[in-house]
C-alpha atoms as a PDB file:
ATOM      1  CA  MET A   1      71.760  57.714 117.038  1.00  0.00           C
ATOM      2  CA  THR A   2      69.555  54.562 115.415  1.00  0.00           C
ATOM      3  CA  LEU A   3      66.317  54.458 113.590  1.00  0.00           C
ATOM      4  CA  GLN A   4      64.489  54.168 116.340  1.00  0.00           C
ATOM      5  CA  THR A   5      65.613  57.121 118.476  1.00  0.00           C
ATOM      6  CA  VAL A   6      65.150  59.942 115.124  1.00  0.00           C
ATOM      7  CA  LEU A   7      61.185  57.863 114.903  1.00  0.00           C
ATOM      8  CA  LEU A   8      60.594  58.316 118.608  1.00  0.00           C
ATOM      9  CA  VAL A   9      61.440  62.146 118.082  1.00  0.00           C
ATOM     10  CA  ALA A  10      59.623  62.545 115.011  1.00  0.00           C
ATOM     11  CA  ALA A  11      56.584  60.434 116.885  1.00  0.00           C
ATOM     12  CA  ALA A  12      57.040  63.191 119.574  1.00  0.00           C
ATOM     13  CA  LEU A  13      56.917  66.072 117.256  1.00  0.00           C
ATOM     14  CA  PHE A  14      53.932  64.884 115.605  1.00  0.00           C
ATOM     15  CA  CYS A  15      52.119  64.293 118.964  1.00  0.00           C
ATOM     16  CA  VAL A  16      52.827  67.829 120.369  1.00  0.00           C
ATOM     17  CA  GLY A  17      52.114  69.250 116.947  1.00  0.00           C
ATOM     18  CA  LEU A  18      48.548  67.524 116.938  1.00  0.00           C
ATOM     19  CA  TYR A  19      47.590  68.758 120.697  1.00  0.00           C
ATOM     20  CA  GLY A  20      48.663  71.823 119.359  1.00  0.00           C
ATOM     21  CA  ALA A  21      46.790  72.243 116.674  1.00  0.00           C
ATOM     22  CA  ILE A  22      43.295  70.398 117.706  1.00  0.00           C
ATOM     23  CA  SER A  23      43.703  72.395 121.324  1.00  0.00           C
ATOM     24  CA  GLN A  24      43.956  76.009 120.193  1.00  0.00           C
ATOM     25  CA  GLN A  25      41.556  78.287 118.605  1.00  0.00           C
ATOM     26  CA  VAL A  26      44.288  81.489 117.464  1.00  0.00           C
ATOM     27  CA  VAL A  27      44.851  80.919 113.876  1.00  0.00           C
ATOM     28  CA  VAL A  28      48.413  81.343 114.205  1.00  0.00           C
ATOM     29  CA  MET A  29      49.035  78.481 116.605  1.00  0.00           C
ATOM     30  CA  VAL A  30      47.115  76.102 114.863  1.00  0.00           C
ATOM     31  CA  MET A  31      49.443  76.502 112.003  1.00  0.00           C
ATOM     32  CA  MET A  32      52.201  76.256 114.299  1.00  0.00           C
ATOM     33  CA  GLY A  33      50.942  73.081 115.032  1.00  0.00           C
ATOM     34  CA  LEU A  34      50.290  71.635 111.802  1.00  0.00           C
ATOM     35  CA  GLU A  35      54.241  73.000 110.807  1.00  0.00           C
ATOM     36  CA  LEU A  36      55.099  70.841 113.873  1.00  0.00           C
ATOM     37  CA  MET A  37      53.344  67.646 112.630  1.00  0.00           C
ATOM     38  CA  LEU A  38      54.789  68.237 108.942  1.00  0.00           C
ATOM     39  CA  ASN A  39      58.213  68.907 110.356  1.00  0.00           C
ATOM     40  CA  GLY A  40      57.647  65.607 112.187  1.00  0.00           C
ATOM     41  CA  VAL A  41      56.670  63.875 109.024  1.00  0.00           C
ATOM     42  CA  ILE A  42      59.383  64.819 107.532  1.00  0.00           C
ATOM     43  CA  LEU A  43      61.816  64.230 110.280  1.00  0.00           C
ATOM     44  CA  ALA A  44      60.512  60.260 109.685  1.00  0.00           C
ATOM     45  CA  ALA A  45      61.261  60.509 106.127  1.00  0.00           C
ATOM     46  CA  GLY A  46      64.395  61.659 106.294  1.00  0.00           C
ATOM     47  CA  ALA A  47      65.465  58.696 108.731  1.00  0.00           C
ATOM     48  CA  PHE A  48      63.983  56.366 106.781  1.00  0.00           C
ATOM     49  CA  TRP A  49      66.148  57.408 103.533  1.00  0.00           C
ATOM     50  CA  TRP A  50      68.851  57.724 105.177  1.00  0.00           C
ATOM     51  CA  PHE A  51      69.191  54.556 107.240  1.00  0.00           C
ATOM     52  CA  LEU A  52      67.280  52.560 104.309  1.00  0.00           C
ATOM     53  CA  SER A  53      69.493  54.079 101.565  1.00  0.00           C
ATOM     54  CA  PRO A  54      71.781  56.946 101.844  1.00  0.00           C
ATOM     55  CA  ALA A  55      71.805  57.910  98.591  1.00  0.00           C
ATOM     56  CA  PRO A  56      71.292  61.835  98.095  1.00  0.00           C
ATOM     57  CA  ASP A  57      68.057  61.192  96.209  1.00  0.00           C
ATOM     58  CA  GLY A  58      66.016  61.607  99.418  1.00  0.00           C
ATOM     59  CA  GLN A  59      67.620  64.536 101.159  1.00  0.00           C
ATOM     60  CA  VAL A  60      67.210  66.654  97.843  1.00  0.00           C
ATOM     61  CA  LEU A  61      63.158  65.542  97.426  1.00  0.00           C
ATOM     62  CA  LEU A  62      63.248  66.613 101.363  1.00  0.00           C
ATOM     63  CA  LEU A  63      64.544  69.808 100.208  1.00  0.00           C
ATOM     64  CA  VAL A  64      61.891  70.579  97.997  1.00  0.00           C
ATOM     65  CA  VAL A  65      59.182  69.621 100.335  1.00  0.00           C
ATOM     66  CA  ILE A  66      60.716  71.883 103.276  1.00  0.00           C
ATOM     67  CA  THR A  67      60.739  74.725 100.639  1.00  0.00           C
ATOM     68  CA  ALA A  68      57.052  74.162 100.070  1.00  0.00           C
ATOM     69  CA  MET A  69      56.082  74.057 103.223  1.00  0.00           C
ATOM     70  CA  THR A  70      57.560  77.689 103.652  1.00  0.00           C
ATOM     71  CA  VAL A  71      56.326  79.097 101.103  1.00  0.00           C
ATOM     72  CA  GLU A  72      52.655  77.598 102.231  1.00  0.00           C
ATOM     73  CA  MET A  73      53.306  78.435 105.769  1.00  0.00           C
ATOM     74  CA  ALA A  74      53.815  82.161 104.908  1.00  0.00           C
ATOM     75  CA  MET A  75      50.635  82.060 102.720  1.00  0.00           C
ATOM     76  CA  GLY A  76      48.712  81.430 105.570  1.00  0.00           C
ATOM     77  CA  PHE A  77      50.444  83.740 108.037  1.00  0.00           C
ATOM     78  CA  ALA A  78      49.320  86.636 105.279  1.00  0.00           C
ATOM     79  CA  VAL A  79      45.552  85.240 104.937  1.00  0.00           C
ATOM     80  CA  ALA A  80      45.942  85.204 108.713  1.00  0.00           C
ATOM     81  CA  THR A  81      47.131  88.880 109.332  1.00  0.00           C
ATOM     82  CA  LEU A  82      44.296  89.827 106.466  1.00  0.00           C
ATOM     83  CA  LEU A  83      41.947  88.355 109.218  1.00  0.00           C
ATOM     84  CA  HIS A  84      43.668  89.912 111.799  1.00  0.00           C
ATOM     85  CA  ARG A  85      42.914  93.528 109.959  1.00  0.00           C
ATOM     86  CA  SER A  86      40.324  93.065 108.490  1.00  0.00           C
ATOM     87  CA  ARG A  87      37.751  91.712 111.541  1.00  0.00           C
ATOM     88  CA  GLY A  88      40.330  92.609 114.765  1.00  0.00           C
ATOM     89  CA  SER A  89      40.519  89.208 115.615  1.00  0.00           C
ATOM     90  CA  ASP A  90      42.679  86.024 114.915  1.00  0.00           C
ATOM     91  CA  MET A  91      40.112  83.497 116.488  1.00  0.00           C
ATOM     92  CA  THR A  92      39.589  80.200 114.002  1.00  0.00           C
ATOM     93  CA  ASP A  93      35.689  81.182 114.596  1.00  0.00           C
ATOM     94  CA  MET A  94      36.097  84.210 111.988  1.00  0.00           C
ATOM     95  CA  ALA A  95      37.968  82.616 110.041  1.00  0.00           C
ATOM     96  CA  THR A  96      34.577  80.908 108.262  1.00  0.00           C
ATOM     97  CA  ASP A  97      33.576  84.206 107.369  1.00  0.00           C
ATOM     98  CA  LEU A  98      36.659  84.299 104.672  1.00  0.00           C
ATOM     99  CA  SER A  99      34.428  81.525 102.277  1.00  0.00           C
ATOM    100  CA  ARG A 100      32.134  84.266 101.147  1.00  0.00           C
END
């Protein structure tokens, strides 16, 4: 695999995630689109680190970022579940009520 191939896959992941985040109204689907976008960025960063300097420092940093992203998504799904239980709907239009 070359750097260009990995970057092409990362760009495809990012584009699919962007389309999913923009076109959906359900909170969980928007979060899945954001997750795909973040995975595309992480894949591109990992590819650059692997092909430019194959030291393990970059891979360790990517593991820390993936762990933080997992915790962030778990908290987001908890908020989406709370929104669905309290309002009976999980549409993004109803999420503006959480700011009060």
